[in-house]
Amino acid sequence: MMKSLLLAIATAVLFAGCSKPAPPPPPPPEVAVGAVVQKDVPIYTEMVGQTSGVEDVEIRARLEGYVERVTYTEGSVVRKGDLLYLIDPKPFEAALAGAKGELATWQARLDKAKNDVARYTPLAAKQAVSQQELDNATAAQQAATAQVEAARAAVDKATLDLSYTRITSPVDGLAGTTKVKMGALVGRGENTLLTTVSRIDPILFRAGIAEADYLRLRQQLQKSGAAPDLKSIPIDLILADGTTFAHTGNIELAERAVDASTGTLMIQFRFPNPDSLLRPGQYGRAKFVVQRLNGAMLVPQRAVQEMQGTYSVAVVSGDGTVAFHNVKVGPRMDTLWVIDEGVKPGDRVVVEGLQRIKDGMKVTTREVTKQAANAGETK
């Protein structure tokens, strides 16, 4: 009996000596947090479009002939009236000379007919000549008058044709590449395209907006008070390289009707272009303010989680407890997100470490600056 008791005590002491203490609980996870910012923010809209010249004038040959000279430098700025092409004028100079000779011939015949009528008229009254002779002289005068008018019209046409051999720029603008070279035959059966001259200061920017977006835009502009005078809204132009064009523009007009084939309405903007930086055909984005939100709440976009259309942020209280708040989101502003409901000024939201936390969990926090929170960097 005594041996069994001693054996049991020894076994209990042995097992007690072999047991290990329970490990300490893991420390709370560390997360990066940033404060909810409250400020007035502008709401922008952007429209993708393409530039075009105020005037894109196609220069075409108006008569048939051989190009004798191309007198402009391709891609250069030309002035109104500058000579661009010279078509061989010799055939048209000869035609003009022939037309002038024909006019002189008929003018001489008209003068003779007038003299005959003037001479026969008193003689016919005295019956010194027959009435038939006077009638013939009068008819000859009328025929000569008609022939003189026709010859004068031929001279005018020949003069006009000769003027068409000198092809000048109708506007100040930028001249494109030439479509024909010296010696080319142009104008045979068609008005051959020679080049295009574009007036690019100012320059136009045309962008299409979907019908539904247009209606929403008008409603936002009406709320902001900008709708009565659309032309007063300053427009920024974002270029293809992401830079903003140095000069602001304005809305010039909206197309009369929505394009039924695309469901879009074309909006035309006008921008100053004194340095000729913009050229026709460039793509860009017109950006302008359609609404201003007063006292908006903003958080970094990285702090917002979305699941099945529900948005939430993790708010850390003063004692380090995490609470997930469902929020109503508004428009995005660069790297920030406007929160319409669910947070208040001064709340600290988790911007890094969301995957390691749960609702009600204790955490340790690492504050980040506003710039670092937006850029995804902690201090």
Protein backbone atom coordinates (compact mmCIF):
# COMPACT_ATOMS: atom_id res chain seq x y z
CA MET A 1 0.00 0.00 0.00
CA MET A 2 2.75 2.41 0.95
CA LYS A 3 4.70 1.49 -2.20
CA SER A 4 1.70 2.27 -4.45
CA LEU A 5 1.23 5.66 -2.81
CA LEU A 6 4.87 6.57 -3.20
CA LEU A 7 4.80 5.45 -6.85
CA ALA A 8 1.75 7.64 -7.58
CA ILE A 9 3.36 10.66 -5.92
CA ALA A 10 6.59 10.15 -7.87
CA THR A 11 4.69 9.83 -11.15
CA ALA A 12 2.74 13.06 -10.47
CA VAL A 13 5.94 14.92 -9.62
CA LEU A 14 7.61 13.58 -12.76
CA PHE A 15 4.75 14.71 -15.04
CA ALA A 16 4.54 18.06 -13.29
CA GLY A 17 8.23 18.66 -13.94
CA CYS A 18 7.87 17.79 -17.66
CA SER A 19 4.91 20.21 -18.46
CA LYS A 20 5.73 23.60 -20.18
CA PRO A 21 4.15 26.99 -19.46
CA ALA A 22 1.59 28.26 -22.06
CA PRO A 23 3.15 30.63 -24.69
CA PRO A 24 2.26 34.32 -24.38
CA PRO A 25 -0.41 35.64 -26.78
CA PRO A 26 0.94 37.22 -30.04
CA PRO A 27 1.30 40.99 -30.01
CA PRO A 28 -1.41 43.01 -31.76
CA PRO A 29 -0.70 43.43 -35.49
CA GLU A 30 0.69 46.74 -36.60
CA VAL A 31 -1.21 48.74 -39.22
CA ALA A 32 -0.65 52.07 -40.91
CA VAL A 33 -3.42 54.61 -40.39
CA GLY A 34 -4.25 58.04 -41.77
CA ALA A 35 -6.75 60.66 -40.71
CA VAL A 36 -9.95 61.45 -42.57
CA VAL A 37 -9.52 64.83 -44.26
CA GLN A 38 -12.37 67.32 -44.60
CA LYS A 39 -12.16 70.07 -47.19
CA ASP A 40 -13.92 71.66 -50.14
CA VAL A 41 -13.16 69.77 -53.34
CA PRO A 42 -13.98 70.41 -57.00
CA ILE A 43 -15.54 67.60 -59.05
CA TYR A 44 -14.12 67.32 -62.55
CA THR A 45 -15.34 65.64 -65.67
CA GLU A 46 -13.15 64.60 -68.58
CA MET A 47 -14.04 64.16 -72.24
CA VAL A 48 -11.78 62.39 -74.73
CA GLY A 49 -11.54 64.03 -78.14
CA GLN A 50 -9.38 65.24 -81.00
CA THR A 51 -8.10 68.60 -82.22
CA SER A 52 -8.87 70.20 -85.56
CA GLY A 53 -8.04 73.50 -87.19
CA VAL A 54 -10.46 76.38 -87.05
CA GLU A 55 -10.25 76.19 -90.83
CA ASP A 56 -8.90 73.11 -92.62
CA VAL A 57 -8.83 74.28 -96.23
CA GLU A 58 -8.18 71.80 -99.01
CA ILE A 59 -6.15 73.40 -101.80
CA ARG A 60 -7.22 71.97 -105.18
CA ALA A 61 -6.36 72.58 -108.82
CA ARG A 62 -9.22 74.32 -110.63
CA LEU A 63 -7.98 73.69 -114.17
CA GLU A 64 -5.94 71.19 -116.12
CA GLY A 65 -2.23 71.80 -116.50
CA TYR A 66 1.30 70.86 -115.50
CA VAL A 67 2.73 71.98 -112.17
CA GLU A 68 5.59 74.32 -113.01
CA ARG A 69 6.65 75.14 -109.44
CA VAL A 70 5.87 74.23 -105.83
CA THR A 71 6.73 77.47 -104.07
CA TYR A 72 6.14 76.78 -100.36
CA THR A 73 7.99 74.76 -97.72
CA GLU A 74 6.01 71.77 -96.50
CA GLY A 75 4.97 72.04 -92.86
CA SER A 76 5.62 75.77 -92.72
CA VAL A 77 3.35 78.64 -91.72
CA VAL A 78 1.94 80.49 -94.73
CA ARG A 79 0.08 83.77 -94.94
CA LYS A 80 -3.09 84.57 -96.82
CA GLY A 81 -2.19 85.30 -100.45
CA ASP A 82 1.17 83.48 -100.40
CA LEU A 83 1.90 81.62 -103.64
CA LEU A 84 1.82 77.85 -103.13
CA TYR A 85 1.79 76.40 -106.66
CA LEU A 86 2.31 77.70 -110.18
CA ILE A 87 0.71 75.80 -113.04
CA ASP A 88 2.26 76.31 -116.49
CA PRO A 89 0.52 79.54 -117.65
CA LYS A 90 1.58 79.50 -121.34
CA PRO A 91 -1.52 77.74 -122.76
CA PHE A 92 -3.78 80.06 -120.79
CA GLU A 93 -1.83 83.17 -121.82
CA ALA A 94 -2.27 82.09 -125.43
CA ALA A 95 -5.99 81.49 -124.88
CA LEU A 96 -6.32 84.96 -123.33
CA ALA A 97 -4.49 86.55 -126.26
CA GLY A 98 -6.80 84.76 -128.72
CA ALA A 99 -9.88 85.86 -126.77
CA LYS A 100 -8.67 89.47 -126.77
CA GLY A 101 -8.06 89.30 -130.55
CA GLU A 102 -11.57 87.93 -131.11
CA LEU A 103 -12.97 90.74 -128.96
CA ALA A 104 -11.07 93.36 -130.97
CA THR A 105 -12.37 91.87 -134.24
CA TRP A 106 -15.98 91.98 -133.13
CA GLN A 107 -15.54 95.41 -131.60
CA ALA A 108 -14.37 96.67 -135.00
CA ARG A 109 -17.37 95.06 -136.71
CA LEU A 110 -19.65 96.64 -134.15
CA ASP A 111 -18.14 100.06 -134.77
CA LYS A 112 -18.69 99.63 -138.54
CA ALA A 113 -22.27 98.48 -137.96
CA LYS A 114 -22.95 101.52 -135.79
CA ASN A 115 -21.55 103.82 -138.48
CA ASP A 116 -23.69 102.15 -141.14
CA VAL A 117 -26.83 102.60 -139.06
CA ALA A 118 -25.92 106.22 -138.32
CA ARG A 119 -25.36 106.91 -142.03
CA TYR A 120 -28.38 105.00 -143.38
CA THR A 121 -30.91 106.38 -140.95
CA PRO A 122 -31.18 109.95 -142.43
CA LEU A 123 -30.77 108.60 -145.97
CA ALA A 124 -33.62 106.17 -145.51
CA ALA A 125 -35.78 109.04 -144.25
CA LYS A 126 -35.08 110.85 -147.55
CA GLN A 127 -35.57 107.58 -149.44
CA ALA A 128 -31.96 107.87 -150.66
CA VAL A 129 -31.46 104.26 -149.58
CA SER A 130 -33.97 101.53 -149.21
CA GLN A 131 -35.51 100.58 -145.90
CA GLN A 132 -34.10 97.08 -146.47
CA GLU A 133 -30.54 98.41 -146.37
CA LEU A 134 -31.24 100.23 -143.09
CA ASP A 135 -32.82 97.10 -141.60
CA ASN A 136 -29.78 95.04 -142.61
CA ALA A 137 -27.40 97.56 -141.02
CA THR A 138 -29.47 97.58 -137.82
CA ALA A 139 -29.47 93.76 -137.68
CA ALA A 140 -25.71 93.71 -138.25
CA GLN A 141 -25.24 96.17 -135.38
CA GLN A 142 -27.31 94.03 -133.04
CA ALA A 143 -25.44 90.87 -134.05
CA ALA A 144 -22.09 92.59 -133.58
CA THR A 145 -23.18 93.84 -130.16
CA ALA A 146 -24.03 90.30 -129.10
CA GLN A 147 -20.73 89.00 -130.47
CA VAL A 148 -18.80 91.68 -128.59
CA GLU A 149 -20.52 90.65 -125.33
CA ALA A 150 -19.68 87.00 -126.01
CA ALA A 151 -16.07 87.87 -126.85
CA ARG A 152 -15.81 90.01 -123.71
CA ALA A 153 -17.11 87.05 -121.64
CA ALA A 154 -14.50 84.81 -123.31
CA VAL A 155 -11.79 87.31 -122.33
CA ASP A 156 -13.07 87.33 -118.74
CA LYS A 157 -13.03 83.53 -118.63
CA ALA A 158 -9.54 83.33 -120.12
CA THR A 159 -8.35 85.92 -117.60
CA LEU A 160 -9.91 83.93 -114.76
CA ASP A 161 -8.36 80.68 -116.01
CA LEU A 162 -4.97 82.36 -116.18
CA SER A 163 -5.38 83.57 -112.59
CA TYR A 164 -6.02 79.98 -111.51
CA THR A 165 -2.51 79.05 -112.61
CA ARG A 166 -1.27 80.92 -109.52
CA ILE A 167 -2.58 78.95 -106.53
CA THR A 168 -2.36 80.98 -103.32
CA SER A 169 -3.26 80.32 -99.68
CA PRO A 170 -6.76 81.56 -98.80
CA VAL A 171 -5.96 81.79 -95.07
CA ASP A 172 -3.11 82.23 -92.62
CA GLY A 173 -2.20 78.77 -91.40
CA LEU A 174 -0.01 75.71 -91.38
CA ALA A 175 0.58 74.10 -94.77
CA GLY A 176 0.74 70.32 -94.99
CA THR A 177 2.80 68.11 -97.26
CA THR A 178 2.29 68.51 -100.99
CA LYS A 179 0.34 65.79 -102.77
CA VAL A 180 1.88 66.58 -106.17
CA LYS A 181 5.39 67.34 -107.40
CA MET A 182 6.77 69.65 -110.05
CA GLY A 183 5.85 68.43 -113.53
CA ALA A 184 2.73 66.56 -112.44
CA LEU A 185 -0.40 66.87 -114.55
CA VAL A 186 -3.28 68.08 -112.40
CA GLY A 187 -6.95 68.86 -112.94
CA ARG A 188 -7.65 66.30 -115.66
CA GLY A 189 -11.28 65.36 -115.06
CA GLU A 190 -11.15 66.30 -111.37
CA ASN A 191 -10.10 69.05 -108.99
CA THR A 192 -6.84 67.46 -107.87
CA LEU A 193 -6.02 67.84 -104.15
CA LEU A 194 -2.68 69.62 -103.85
CA THR A 195 -2.31 70.19 -100.09
CA THR A 196 -4.23 71.33 -97.00
CA VAL A 197 -3.76 74.54 -95.03
CA SER A 198 -5.03 74.63 -91.43
CA ARG A 199 -5.56 77.72 -89.31
CA ILE A 200 -4.52 76.48 -85.86
CA ASP A 201 -4.57 79.60 -83.68
CA PRO A 202 -7.00 79.26 -82.07
CA ILE A 203 -7.49 75.51 -82.40
CA LEU A 204 -10.67 73.48 -81.92
CA PHE A 205 -11.08 70.38 -79.78
CA ARG A 206 -14.09 68.16 -80.43
CA ALA A 207 -15.24 65.45 -78.01
CA GLY A 208 -18.31 63.23 -77.86
CA ILE A 209 -20.30 62.72 -74.68
CA ALA A 210 -22.81 59.94 -74.14
CA GLU A 211 -26.43 61.05 -73.95
CA ALA A 212 -26.86 59.89 -70.33
CA ASP A 213 -23.60 61.56 -69.29
CA TYR A 214 -24.69 64.76 -71.01
CA LEU A 215 -27.94 64.83 -69.03
CA ARG A 216 -26.09 64.25 -65.75
CA LEU A 217 -23.58 66.94 -66.67
CA ARG A 218 -26.32 69.48 -67.35
CA GLN A 219 -27.95 68.69 -64.01
CA GLN A 220 -24.65 69.11 -62.15
CA LEU A 221 -23.94 72.38 -63.94
CA GLN A 222 -27.39 73.68 -63.06
CA LYS A 223 -26.83 72.83 -59.39
CA SER A 224 -23.49 74.62 -59.41
CA GLY A 225 -24.93 77.66 -61.21
CA ALA A 226 -22.62 77.26 -64.21
CA ALA A 227 -25.25 76.19 -66.72
CA PRO A 228 -26.53 79.65 -67.80
CA ASP A 229 -23.14 80.60 -69.29
CA LEU A 230 -21.24 77.52 -70.43
CA LYS A 231 -18.68 79.63 -72.28
CA SER A 232 -17.45 81.11 -69.00
CA ILE A 233 -16.30 77.72 -67.66
CA PRO A 234 -12.48 77.43 -67.90
CA ILE A 235 -11.41 74.24 -69.70
CA ASP A 236 -8.08 72.46 -69.22
CA LEU A 237 -6.68 70.24 -71.96
CA ILE A 238 -4.74 67.14 -70.88
CA LEU A 239 -2.36 66.12 -73.65
CA ALA A 240 -1.32 62.62 -74.71
CA ASP A 241 1.82 62.71 -72.52
CA GLY A 242 -0.23 63.55 -69.40
CA THR A 243 0.79 67.21 -69.25
CA THR A 244 -1.73 70.05 -69.10
CA PHE A 245 -1.78 72.49 -72.01
CA ALA A 246 -0.55 75.92 -70.93
CA HIS A 247 -3.63 77.80 -72.15
CA THR A 248 -7.17 77.33 -70.89
CA GLY A 249 -10.05 77.20 -73.33
CA ASN A 250 -13.80 77.43 -73.31
CA ILE A 251 -16.87 75.57 -74.55
CA GLU A 252 -17.76 77.00 -77.94
CA LEU A 253 -20.87 75.04 -78.86
CA ALA A 254 -22.77 71.79 -78.52
CA GLU A 255 -23.95 69.99 -81.63
CA ARG A 256 -27.59 70.51 -82.61
CA ALA A 257 -28.58 66.86 -82.17
CA VAL A 258 -27.41 63.57 -80.67
CA ASP A 259 -25.81 61.25 -83.23
CA ALA A 260 -28.32 58.42 -83.51
CA SER A 261 -25.68 55.93 -84.69
CA THR A 262 -23.37 56.42 -81.67
CA GLY A 263 -25.70 57.90 -79.04
CA THR A 264 -23.28 60.75 -78.38
CA LEU A 265 -23.48 64.52 -78.50
CA MET A 266 -20.50 66.38 -79.93
CA ILE A 267 -19.11 69.25 -77.84
CA GLN A 268 -16.69 71.73 -79.40
CA PHE A 269 -14.07 73.60 -77.37
CA ARG A 270 -11.75 76.42 -78.44
CA PHE A 271 -8.18 76.88 -77.16
CA PRO A 272 -5.61 79.61 -77.85
CA ASN A 273 -2.57 78.15 -79.61
CA PRO A 274 -0.08 81.00 -80.07
CA ASP A 275 2.98 78.71 -80.06
CA SER A 276 1.46 76.24 -82.55
CA LEU A 277 2.09 73.39 -80.09
CA LEU A 278 -1.22 71.76 -80.92
CA ARG A 279 -1.70 70.33 -84.40
CA PRO A 280 -4.85 68.97 -86.05
CA GLY A 281 -5.54 65.34 -85.23
CA GLN A 282 -4.01 65.26 -81.73
CA TYR A 283 -5.88 63.33 -79.03
CA GLY A 284 -6.43 64.63 -75.51
CA ARG A 285 -8.91 65.06 -72.66
CA ALA A 286 -10.90 68.21 -71.94
CA LYS A 287 -11.19 68.61 -68.16
CA PHE A 288 -13.38 71.07 -66.29
CA VAL A 289 -15.20 71.55 -62.98
CA VAL A 290 -18.87 70.59 -62.94
CA GLN A 291 -19.53 70.72 -59.19
CA ARG A 292 -17.90 71.77 -55.88
CA LEU A 293 -18.42 69.71 -52.73
CA ASN A 294 -18.22 71.78 -49.55
CA GLY A 295 -16.74 70.05 -46.48
CA ALA A 296 -16.28 66.70 -48.22
CA MET A 297 -14.71 63.77 -46.33
CA LEU A 298 -11.75 62.22 -48.10
CA VAL A 299 -9.80 59.03 -47.45
CA PRO A 300 -7.04 57.35 -49.47
CA GLN A 301 -8.49 54.99 -52.05
CA ARG A 302 -6.36 52.19 -50.56
CA ALA A 303 -8.37 52.43 -47.34
CA VAL A 304 -11.65 51.49 -49.04
CA GLN A 305 -12.64 47.86 -49.44
CA GLU A 306 -15.37 46.67 -51.80
CA MET A 307 -17.28 43.40 -51.55
CA GLN A 308 -20.33 42.66 -53.66
CA GLY A 309 -21.08 46.33 -54.15
CA THR A 310 -20.68 47.22 -50.46
CA TYR A 311 -17.87 49.57 -49.47
CA SER A 312 -16.24 49.70 -46.04
CA VAL A 313 -13.30 51.25 -44.19
CA ALA A 314 -11.53 50.08 -41.00
CA VAL A 315 -11.61 52.79 -38.31
CA VAL A 316 -9.20 52.53 -35.37
CA SER A 317 -10.45 53.97 -32.05
CA GLY A 318 -8.30 55.66 -29.42
CA ASP A 319 -7.69 52.38 -27.55
CA GLY A 320 -6.55 50.59 -30.71
CA THR A 321 -9.76 48.69 -31.45
CA VAL A 322 -10.71 48.14 -35.09
CA ALA A 323 -14.27 48.73 -36.26
CA PHE A 324 -15.35 48.23 -39.86
CA HIS A 325 -17.77 50.93 -41.08
CA ASN A 326 -19.93 50.57 -44.16
CA VAL A 327 -19.62 53.77 -46.15
CA LYS A 328 -21.31 55.50 -49.06
CA VAL A 329 -18.69 56.54 -51.58
CA GLY A 330 -18.69 59.55 -53.86
CA PRO A 331 -16.38 60.51 -56.75
CA ARG A 332 -12.67 59.76 -56.78
CA MET A 333 -10.14 62.57 -56.66
CA ASP A 334 -6.72 61.42 -57.89
CA THR A 335 -5.63 58.97 -55.11
CA LEU A 336 -8.41 60.03 -52.72
CA TRP A 337 -12.02 58.96 -52.45
CA VAL A 338 -14.90 61.15 -51.32
CA ILE A 339 -16.94 59.45 -48.57
CA ASP A 340 -20.51 60.72 -48.39
CA GLU A 341 -21.55 58.72 -45.29
CA GLY A 342 -19.86 56.50 -42.67
CA VAL A 343 -16.91 58.52 -41.36
CA LYS A 344 -16.35 61.82 -39.58
CA PRO A 345 -13.47 64.31 -39.45
CA GLY A 346 -10.52 63.06 -37.43
CA ASP A 347 -11.32 59.35 -37.78
CA ARG A 348 -8.22 57.25 -38.33
CA VAL A 349 -8.63 54.70 -41.11
CA VAL A 350 -6.36 51.79 -41.91
CA VAL A 351 -4.44 52.29 -45.17
CA GLU A 352 -2.00 49.35 -44.82
CA GLY A 353 -2.50 45.94 -43.21
CA LEU A 354 -6.20 45.46 -43.92
CA GLN A 355 -5.66 41.80 -44.74
CA ARG A 356 -4.36 41.11 -41.19
CA ILE A 357 -7.21 42.55 -39.14
CA LYS A 358 -10.78 41.74 -38.17
CA ASP A 359 -13.63 43.68 -36.63
CA GLY A 360 -13.06 44.23 -32.88
CA MET A 361 -9.37 43.29 -33.00
CA LYS A 362 -6.77 45.28 -31.10
CA VAL A 363 -3.97 46.75 -33.21
CA THR A 364 -0.95 48.95 -32.83
CA THR A 365 -0.84 51.88 -35.23
CA ARG A 366 1.76 53.65 -37.24
CA GLU A 367 0.74 57.11 -38.35
CA VAL A 368 1.36 58.13 -41.94
CA THR A 369 1.46 61.59 -43.43
CA LYS A 370 -1.25 62.71 -45.79
CA GLN A 371 1.16 62.61 -48.73
CA ALA A 372 2.50 59.17 -47.76
CA ALA A 373 -1.00 57.75 -47.30
CA ASN A 374 -1.96 58.93 -50.76
CA ALA A 375 1.25 57.70 -52.35
CA GLY A 376 1.27 54.32 -50.61
CA GLU A 377 4.38 55.03 -48.51
CA THR A 378 4.66 55.04 -44.71
CA LYS A 379 7.03 57.14 -42.73
